[in-house]
Amino acid sequence: MLTHSPQETRLLGRQLAARLRVGDTVLLYGDLGAGKSELTRGIAEGLGISGPIASPSFTILNVYEDGRIPLYHFDWYRLEDAEELFEMGMDEYLCGDGIAVVEWPERCPEAIPQRHLRVHITPEGESVRAFEMTPAGGFPPVDLE
C-alpha cells in the first residue's frame, strides 16, 4: 500500500492502531527518513494518545500511558546488542500490557518476540511511501486497503 503525504502515513497508523491489541509488537524497518516515526505518531493518535510523539533516539524508549492502551515506542538504533536492552529491563515492555513499536529492530534481532508484525517502509518519492506488512508467529493478517 502507498501513502502520498505525512498525513496519509499518520492515517495509516491510526487504521493500524484500531487493529492492535494488548501485547502486540510492531517492528518498523526502513532507512532514515522513511516514515517510521510518522507511522508511530498515527498509531499513537489511533490509541487516543495526546501530545507530541518524539522519536526515542537518545532515550531508547518513550512510554505513553494516556491512551486506551499504553504505547511503548522503542528506537534500537544506538543499542550495541540485545544484552544492553535486557540489562536496562526494557525487554519487559515487549509483549507486555501495551503495544510495542520498535524502530531499527534489526539492531537486536535476538530480542524480537516470536509473534510480531513487520512493517517495511520504502520511500518511492519525496513524500510517497510504500508499506509492506508481514505478520509472523501467529500475528493476525492486517488488511488496511
N, C-alpha and C. Protein backbone atom coordinates (compact mmCIF):
# COMPACT_ATOMS: atom_id res chain seq x y z
N MET A 1 0.84 -1.17 0.00
CA MET A 1 0.00 0.00 0.00
C MET A 1 0.89 1.23 0.00
N LEU A 2 0.36 2.31 -0.53
CA LEU A 2 1.12 3.56 -0.67
C LEU A 2 0.45 4.68 0.13
N THR A 3 1.30 5.57 0.67
CA THR A 3 0.80 6.84 1.18
C THR A 3 1.51 7.93 0.39
N HIS A 4 0.86 9.08 0.29
CA HIS A 4 1.38 10.17 -0.54
C HIS A 4 1.74 11.43 0.22
N SER A 5 1.67 11.35 1.56
CA SER A 5 1.99 12.51 2.39
C SER A 5 2.17 12.03 3.83
N PRO A 6 2.81 12.86 4.66
CA PRO A 6 2.90 12.51 6.08
C PRO A 6 1.52 12.33 6.72
N GLN A 7 0.55 13.11 6.28
CA GLN A 7 -0.81 12.99 6.82
C GLN A 7 -1.41 11.63 6.49
N GLU A 8 -1.19 11.14 5.27
CA GLU A 8 -1.70 9.82 4.90
C GLU A 8 -0.96 8.72 5.68
N THR A 9 0.32 8.92 5.95
CA THR A 9 1.07 7.94 6.74
C THR A 9 0.52 7.88 8.16
N ARG A 10 0.19 9.03 8.74
CA ARG A 10 -0.42 9.04 10.07
C ARG A 10 -1.79 8.37 10.04
N LEU A 11 -2.56 8.61 8.98
CA LEU A 11 -3.87 7.96 8.83
C LEU A 11 -3.71 6.44 8.80
N LEU A 12 -2.73 5.96 8.07
CA LEU A 12 -2.45 4.52 8.03
C LEU A 12 -2.12 4.02 9.44
N GLY A 13 -1.35 4.79 10.19
CA GLY A 13 -1.05 4.42 11.57
C GLY A 13 -2.30 4.36 12.43
N ARG A 14 -3.21 5.29 12.26
CA ARG A 14 -4.48 5.27 13.02
C ARG A 14 -5.29 4.03 12.66
N GLN A 15 -5.32 3.68 11.37
CA GLN A 15 -6.05 2.48 10.94
C GLN A 15 -5.42 1.22 11.54
N LEU A 16 -4.10 1.18 11.56
CA LEU A 16 -3.41 0.04 12.15
C LEU A 16 -3.70 -0.05 13.64
N ALA A 17 -3.68 1.07 14.33
CA ALA A 17 -3.94 1.09 15.78
C ALA A 17 -5.29 0.48 16.12
N ALA A 18 -6.27 0.66 15.27
CA ALA A 18 -7.60 0.11 15.52
C ALA A 18 -7.59 -1.42 15.54
N ARG A 19 -6.56 -2.03 14.94
CA ARG A 19 -6.47 -3.49 14.88
C ARG A 19 -5.50 -4.08 15.90
N LEU A 20 -4.74 -3.22 16.58
CA LEU A 20 -3.75 -3.69 17.53
C LEU A 20 -4.38 -4.00 18.88
N ARG A 21 -3.79 -4.97 19.57
CA ARG A 21 -4.28 -5.41 20.87
C ARG A 21 -3.14 -5.42 21.89
N VAL A 22 -3.49 -5.47 23.15
CA VAL A 22 -2.51 -5.53 24.23
C VAL A 22 -1.55 -6.68 23.96
N GLY A 23 -0.25 -6.40 24.10
CA GLY A 23 0.78 -7.40 23.90
C GLY A 23 1.35 -7.45 22.50
N ASP A 24 0.76 -6.69 21.56
CA ASP A 24 1.26 -6.70 20.18
C ASP A 24 2.59 -5.95 20.07
N THR A 25 3.42 -6.44 19.16
CA THR A 25 4.69 -5.79 18.84
C THR A 25 4.73 -5.51 17.35
N VAL A 26 5.04 -4.26 17.00
CA VAL A 26 5.14 -3.83 15.61
C VAL A 26 6.58 -3.42 15.35
N LEU A 27 7.21 -4.05 14.37
CA LEU A 27 8.59 -3.77 14.01
C LEU A 27 8.62 -2.90 12.77
N LEU A 28 9.32 -1.78 12.84
CA LEU A 28 9.37 -0.85 11.72
C LEU A 28 10.75 -0.88 11.07
N TYR A 29 10.78 -1.25 9.80
CA TYR A 29 12.01 -1.32 9.02
C TYR A 29 11.99 -0.23 7.96
N GLY A 30 13.10 0.46 7.79
CA GLY A 30 13.21 1.49 6.77
C GLY A 30 14.39 2.39 7.08
N ASP A 31 14.91 3.02 6.05
CA ASP A 31 16.05 3.91 6.21
C ASP A 31 15.65 5.17 6.99
N LEU A 32 16.65 5.97 7.36
CA LEU A 32 16.38 7.26 7.98
C LEU A 32 15.45 8.07 7.07
N GLY A 33 14.44 8.66 7.66
CA GLY A 33 13.52 9.49 6.89
C GLY A 33 12.46 8.71 6.13
N ALA A 34 12.39 7.40 6.34
CA ALA A 34 11.41 6.58 5.61
C ALA A 34 9.98 6.84 6.06
N GLY A 35 9.79 7.23 7.32
CA GLY A 35 8.44 7.47 7.83
C GLY A 35 8.09 6.65 9.05
N LYS A 36 9.08 6.03 9.68
CA LYS A 36 8.82 5.20 10.86
C LYS A 36 8.18 6.00 12.00
N SER A 37 8.75 7.15 12.29
CA SER A 37 8.20 7.97 13.38
C SER A 37 6.84 8.54 13.02
N GLU A 38 6.65 8.86 11.76
CA GLU A 38 5.35 9.39 11.33
C GLU A 38 4.26 8.33 11.48
N LEU A 39 4.57 7.09 11.09
CA LEU A 39 3.60 6.00 11.27
C LEU A 39 3.32 5.80 12.76
N THR A 40 4.34 5.89 13.59
CA THR A 40 4.16 5.74 15.03
C THR A 40 3.27 6.85 15.59
N ARG A 41 3.43 8.06 15.09
CA ARG A 41 2.54 9.16 15.53
C ARG A 41 1.08 8.82 15.21
N GLY A 42 0.85 8.24 14.06
CA GLY A 42 -0.51 7.83 13.70
C GLY A 42 -1.03 6.73 14.61
N ILE A 43 -0.18 5.76 14.93
CA ILE A 43 -0.59 4.70 15.86
C ILE A 43 -0.95 5.32 17.21
N ALA A 44 -0.13 6.25 17.68
CA ALA A 44 -0.41 6.92 18.96
C ALA A 44 -1.75 7.65 18.90
N GLU A 45 -2.00 8.38 17.81
CA GLU A 45 -3.28 9.07 17.66
C GLU A 45 -4.43 8.08 17.69
N GLY A 46 -4.26 6.95 17.01
CA GLY A 46 -5.30 5.92 16.98
C GLY A 46 -5.56 5.29 18.33
N LEU A 47 -4.57 5.33 19.21
CA LEU A 47 -4.74 4.81 20.57
C LEU A 47 -5.27 5.88 21.52
N GLY A 48 -5.49 7.08 21.01
CA GLY A 48 -6.01 8.17 21.84
C GLY A 48 -4.96 8.87 22.67
N ILE A 49 -3.71 8.77 22.26
CA ILE A 49 -2.62 9.42 22.99
C ILE A 49 -2.49 10.85 22.51
N SER A 50 -2.48 11.77 23.45
CA SER A 50 -2.38 13.17 23.10
C SER A 50 -0.96 13.66 23.33
N GLY A 51 -0.64 14.79 22.77
CA GLY A 51 0.68 15.37 22.95
C GLY A 51 1.64 14.92 21.89
N PRO A 52 2.82 15.52 21.90
CA PRO A 52 3.81 15.20 20.87
C PRO A 52 4.39 13.80 21.05
N ILE A 53 4.65 13.15 19.94
CA ILE A 53 5.28 11.82 19.92
C ILE A 53 6.65 12.00 19.31
N ALA A 54 7.67 12.01 20.17
CA ALA A 54 9.03 12.24 19.71
C ALA A 54 9.73 10.91 19.49
N SER A 55 10.69 10.91 18.59
CA SER A 55 11.48 9.71 18.37
C SER A 55 12.36 9.48 19.60
N PRO A 56 12.42 8.23 20.10
CA PRO A 56 13.24 7.95 21.29
C PRO A 56 14.70 7.67 20.95
N SER A 57 15.25 8.43 20.03
CA SER A 57 16.61 8.18 19.54
C SER A 57 17.65 8.11 20.65
N PHE A 58 17.56 8.98 21.64
CA PHE A 58 18.58 9.01 22.69
C PHE A 58 18.14 8.30 23.96
N THR A 59 16.84 8.19 24.18
CA THR A 59 16.34 7.54 25.39
C THR A 59 16.08 6.05 25.18
N ILE A 60 16.04 5.59 23.97
CA ILE A 60 15.77 4.22 23.55
C ILE A 60 14.30 3.84 23.70
N LEU A 61 13.63 4.36 24.71
CA LEU A 61 12.22 4.02 24.93
C LEU A 61 11.45 5.25 25.42
N ASN A 62 10.33 5.52 24.77
CA ASN A 62 9.37 6.51 25.26
C ASN A 62 8.09 5.76 25.61
N VAL A 63 7.54 6.05 26.78
CA VAL A 63 6.33 5.40 27.25
C VAL A 63 5.20 6.42 27.25
N TYR A 64 4.08 6.03 26.65
CA TYR A 64 2.88 6.88 26.60
C TYR A 64 1.73 6.06 27.19
N GLU A 65 1.19 6.55 28.29
CA GLU A 65 0.16 5.77 29.00
C GLU A 65 -1.21 6.43 29.03
N ASP A 66 -1.38 7.52 28.30
CA ASP A 66 -2.66 8.24 28.41
C ASP A 66 -3.68 7.85 27.34
N GLY A 67 -3.45 6.78 26.60
CA GLY A 67 -4.40 6.31 25.60
C GLY A 67 -5.19 5.12 26.09
N ARG A 68 -5.95 4.51 25.19
CA ARG A 68 -6.77 3.35 25.57
C ARG A 68 -5.90 2.14 25.90
N ILE A 69 -4.69 2.10 25.32
CA ILE A 69 -3.69 1.07 25.60
C ILE A 69 -2.35 1.80 25.67
N PRO A 70 -1.48 1.45 26.62
CA PRO A 70 -0.16 2.09 26.65
C PRO A 70 0.63 1.81 25.36
N LEU A 71 1.45 2.77 24.98
CA LEU A 71 2.32 2.64 23.81
C LEU A 71 3.76 2.71 24.28
N TYR A 72 4.55 1.72 23.88
CA TYR A 72 5.97 1.67 24.18
C TYR A 72 6.72 1.83 22.87
N HIS A 73 7.29 3.01 22.68
CA HIS A 73 7.95 3.36 21.42
C HIS A 73 9.46 3.23 21.59
N PHE A 74 10.03 2.21 20.96
CA PHE A 74 11.46 1.92 21.04
C PHE A 74 12.20 2.44 19.82
N ASP A 75 13.45 2.80 20.02
CA ASP A 75 14.39 3.06 18.93
C ASP A 75 15.67 2.33 19.31
N TRP A 76 15.96 1.22 18.61
CA TRP A 76 17.10 0.39 18.94
C TRP A 76 18.36 0.77 18.16
N TYR A 77 18.33 1.89 17.45
CA TYR A 77 19.44 2.26 16.59
C TYR A 77 20.77 2.34 17.34
N ARG A 78 20.76 2.89 18.55
CA ARG A 78 22.00 3.10 19.29
C ARG A 78 22.41 1.93 20.19
N LEU A 79 21.62 0.87 20.20
CA LEU A 79 21.98 -0.29 21.01
C LEU A 79 23.10 -1.08 20.33
N GLU A 80 24.02 -1.57 21.14
CA GLU A 80 25.11 -2.41 20.62
C GLU A 80 24.64 -3.83 20.41
N ASP A 81 23.81 -4.33 21.35
CA ASP A 81 23.28 -5.69 21.25
C ASP A 81 22.08 -5.81 22.18
N ALA A 82 21.41 -6.95 22.13
CA ALA A 82 20.21 -7.16 22.93
C ALA A 82 20.51 -7.18 24.43
N GLU A 83 21.71 -7.58 24.79
CA GLU A 83 22.08 -7.63 26.21
C GLU A 83 21.90 -6.26 26.86
N GLU A 84 22.23 -5.21 26.13
CA GLU A 84 22.05 -3.84 26.63
C GLU A 84 20.57 -3.58 26.94
N LEU A 85 19.70 -4.03 26.07
CA LEU A 85 18.25 -3.88 26.27
C LEU A 85 17.80 -4.66 27.50
N PHE A 86 18.29 -5.88 27.64
CA PHE A 86 17.92 -6.72 28.78
C PHE A 86 18.44 -6.13 30.09
N GLU A 87 19.66 -5.61 30.09
CA GLU A 87 20.25 -5.03 31.31
C GLU A 87 19.45 -3.83 31.80
N MET A 88 18.86 -3.08 30.89
CA MET A 88 18.05 -1.91 31.27
C MET A 88 16.62 -2.31 31.64
N GLY A 89 16.28 -3.59 31.48
CA GLY A 89 14.94 -4.06 31.82
C GLY A 89 13.87 -3.64 30.83
N MET A 90 14.29 -3.13 29.70
CA MET A 90 13.31 -2.65 28.71
C MET A 90 12.62 -3.77 27.96
N ASP A 91 13.19 -4.97 27.99
CA ASP A 91 12.57 -6.09 27.30
C ASP A 91 11.21 -6.44 27.90
N GLU A 92 10.97 -6.03 29.16
CA GLU A 92 9.69 -6.31 29.81
C GLU A 92 8.53 -5.59 29.13
N TYR A 93 8.82 -4.55 28.37
CA TYR A 93 7.77 -3.81 27.67
C TYR A 93 7.34 -4.51 26.39
N LEU A 94 8.14 -5.46 25.91
CA LEU A 94 7.78 -6.22 24.72
C LEU A 94 6.78 -7.29 25.15
N CYS A 95 5.67 -7.38 24.43
CA CYS A 95 4.61 -8.36 24.74
C CYS A 95 4.03 -8.13 26.13
N GLY A 96 4.08 -6.91 26.61
CA GLY A 96 3.58 -6.58 27.95
C GLY A 96 2.14 -6.14 27.92
N ASP A 97 1.84 -5.15 28.76
CA ASP A 97 0.46 -4.69 28.92
C ASP A 97 0.09 -3.56 27.97
N GLY A 98 0.91 -3.36 26.95
CA GLY A 98 0.64 -2.31 25.97
C GLY A 98 1.00 -2.78 24.58
N ILE A 99 1.24 -1.83 23.71
CA ILE A 99 1.66 -2.10 22.35
C ILE A 99 3.08 -1.58 22.21
N ALA A 100 3.98 -2.41 21.71
CA ALA A 100 5.37 -2.01 21.50
C ALA A 100 5.57 -1.74 20.02
N VAL A 101 6.12 -0.57 19.72
CA VAL A 101 6.51 -0.22 18.35
C VAL A 101 8.03 -0.04 18.39
N VAL A 102 8.73 -0.78 17.52
CA VAL A 102 10.19 -0.80 17.56
C VAL A 102 10.75 -0.30 16.24
N GLU A 103 11.50 0.80 16.31
CA GLU A 103 12.26 1.27 15.16
C GLU A 103 13.64 0.64 15.20
N TRP A 104 14.19 0.29 14.07
CA TRP A 104 15.51 -0.34 13.93
C TRP A 104 15.60 -1.68 14.63
N PRO A 105 14.61 -2.57 14.48
CA PRO A 105 14.66 -3.87 15.16
C PRO A 105 15.82 -4.75 14.70
N GLU A 106 16.35 -4.49 13.52
CA GLU A 106 17.46 -5.30 13.01
C GLU A 106 18.72 -5.17 13.86
N ARG A 107 18.78 -4.15 14.73
CA ARG A 107 19.94 -3.97 15.60
C ARG A 107 20.01 -5.02 16.72
N CYS A 108 18.86 -5.57 17.11
CA CYS A 108 18.82 -6.57 18.19
C CYS A 108 17.84 -7.69 17.81
N PRO A 109 18.15 -8.44 16.77
CA PRO A 109 17.20 -9.46 16.31
C PRO A 109 16.86 -10.51 17.37
N GLU A 110 17.79 -10.78 18.28
CA GLU A 110 17.51 -11.79 19.30
C GLU A 110 16.50 -11.33 20.34
N ALA A 111 16.17 -10.05 20.37
CA ALA A 111 15.18 -9.53 21.32
C ALA A 111 13.78 -9.47 20.71
N ILE A 112 13.66 -9.76 19.44
CA ILE A 112 12.36 -9.66 18.76
C ILE A 112 11.46 -10.80 19.23
N PRO A 113 10.26 -10.47 19.69
CA PRO A 113 9.32 -11.52 20.09
C PRO A 113 8.91 -12.36 18.88
N GLN A 114 8.60 -13.62 19.13
CA GLN A 114 8.20 -14.51 18.04
C GLN A 114 6.96 -13.98 17.31
N ARG A 115 5.98 -13.50 18.07
CA ARG A 115 4.73 -13.00 17.49
C ARG A 115 4.88 -11.49 17.29
N HIS A 116 4.86 -11.06 16.03
CA HIS A 116 5.02 -9.62 15.74
C HIS A 116 4.49 -9.31 14.34
N LEU A 117 4.41 -8.02 14.07
CA LEU A 117 4.06 -7.53 12.74
C LEU A 117 5.26 -6.76 12.21
N ARG A 118 5.78 -7.21 11.07
CA ARG A 118 6.88 -6.49 10.40
C ARG A 118 6.28 -5.49 9.43
N VAL A 119 6.74 -4.25 9.52
CA VAL A 119 6.31 -3.21 8.59
C VAL A 119 7.55 -2.67 7.89
N HIS A 120 7.65 -2.93 6.61
CA HIS A 120 8.76 -2.41 5.80
C HIS A 120 8.27 -1.15 5.09
N ILE A 121 9.01 -0.06 5.26
CA ILE A 121 8.64 1.22 4.67
C ILE A 121 9.72 1.60 3.66
N THR A 122 9.29 1.85 2.44
CA THR A 122 10.21 2.20 1.37
C THR A 122 9.80 3.52 0.74
N PRO A 123 10.67 4.55 0.77
CA PRO A 123 10.37 5.80 0.08
C PRO A 123 10.33 5.55 -1.44
N GLU A 124 9.29 6.09 -2.08
CA GLU A 124 9.15 5.94 -3.53
C GLU A 124 9.13 7.31 -4.20
N GLY A 125 9.45 8.33 -3.47
CA GLY A 125 9.46 9.70 -3.94
C GLY A 125 9.59 10.60 -2.73
N GLU A 126 9.53 11.91 -2.96
CA GLU A 126 9.73 12.84 -1.85
C GLU A 126 8.78 12.59 -0.69
N SER A 127 7.50 12.36 -0.96
CA SER A 127 6.56 12.11 0.13
C SER A 127 5.75 10.82 -0.06
N VAL A 128 6.05 10.05 -1.08
CA VAL A 128 5.36 8.78 -1.31
C VAL A 128 6.10 7.66 -0.58
N ARG A 129 5.34 6.84 0.15
CA ARG A 129 5.91 5.73 0.89
C ARG A 129 5.15 4.45 0.57
N ALA A 130 5.89 3.36 0.38
CA ALA A 130 5.29 2.04 0.19
C ALA A 130 5.41 1.28 1.51
N PHE A 131 4.31 0.64 1.91
CA PHE A 131 4.26 -0.12 3.16
C PHE A 131 3.95 -1.58 2.85
N GLU A 132 4.76 -2.46 3.41
CA GLU A 132 4.52 -3.89 3.31
C GLU A 132 4.43 -4.42 4.73
N MET A 133 3.27 -5.03 5.06
CA MET A 133 3.04 -5.54 6.42
C MET A 133 3.01 -7.06 6.38
N THR A 134 3.88 -7.66 7.20
CA THR A 134 4.01 -9.11 7.23
C THR A 134 3.86 -9.62 8.66
N PRO A 135 2.77 -10.32 8.94
CA PRO A 135 2.61 -10.90 10.28
C PRO A 135 3.49 -12.12 10.46
N ALA A 136 3.95 -12.36 11.69
CA ALA A 136 4.79 -13.51 11.99
C ALA A 136 4.40 -14.10 13.35
N GLY A 137 4.61 -15.39 13.52
CA GLY A 137 4.41 -16.05 14.79
C GLY A 137 2.98 -16.06 15.29
N GLY A 138 2.02 -16.09 14.39
CA GLY A 138 0.62 -16.10 14.79
C GLY A 138 -0.04 -14.74 14.88
N PHE A 139 0.70 -13.68 14.51
CA PHE A 139 0.08 -12.36 14.46
C PHE A 139 -0.99 -12.40 13.36
N PRO A 140 -2.18 -11.88 13.62
CA PRO A 140 -3.24 -11.98 12.60
C PRO A 140 -2.93 -11.13 11.36
N PRO A 141 -3.40 -11.55 10.20
CA PRO A 141 -3.19 -10.75 8.98
C PRO A 141 -3.78 -9.35 9.15
N VAL A 142 -3.14 -8.38 8.52
CA VAL A 142 -3.58 -6.99 8.60
C VAL A 142 -3.95 -6.54 7.19
N ASP A 143 -5.21 -6.22 7.00
CA ASP A 143 -5.68 -5.74 5.71
C ASP A 143 -6.22 -4.33 5.89
N LEU A 144 -5.44 -3.34 5.44
CA LEU A 144 -5.85 -1.95 5.62
C LEU A 144 -6.27 -1.29 4.32
N GLU A 145 -6.32 -2.03 3.23
CA GLU A 145 -6.63 -1.41 1.94
C GLU A 145 -8.11 -1.29 1.73
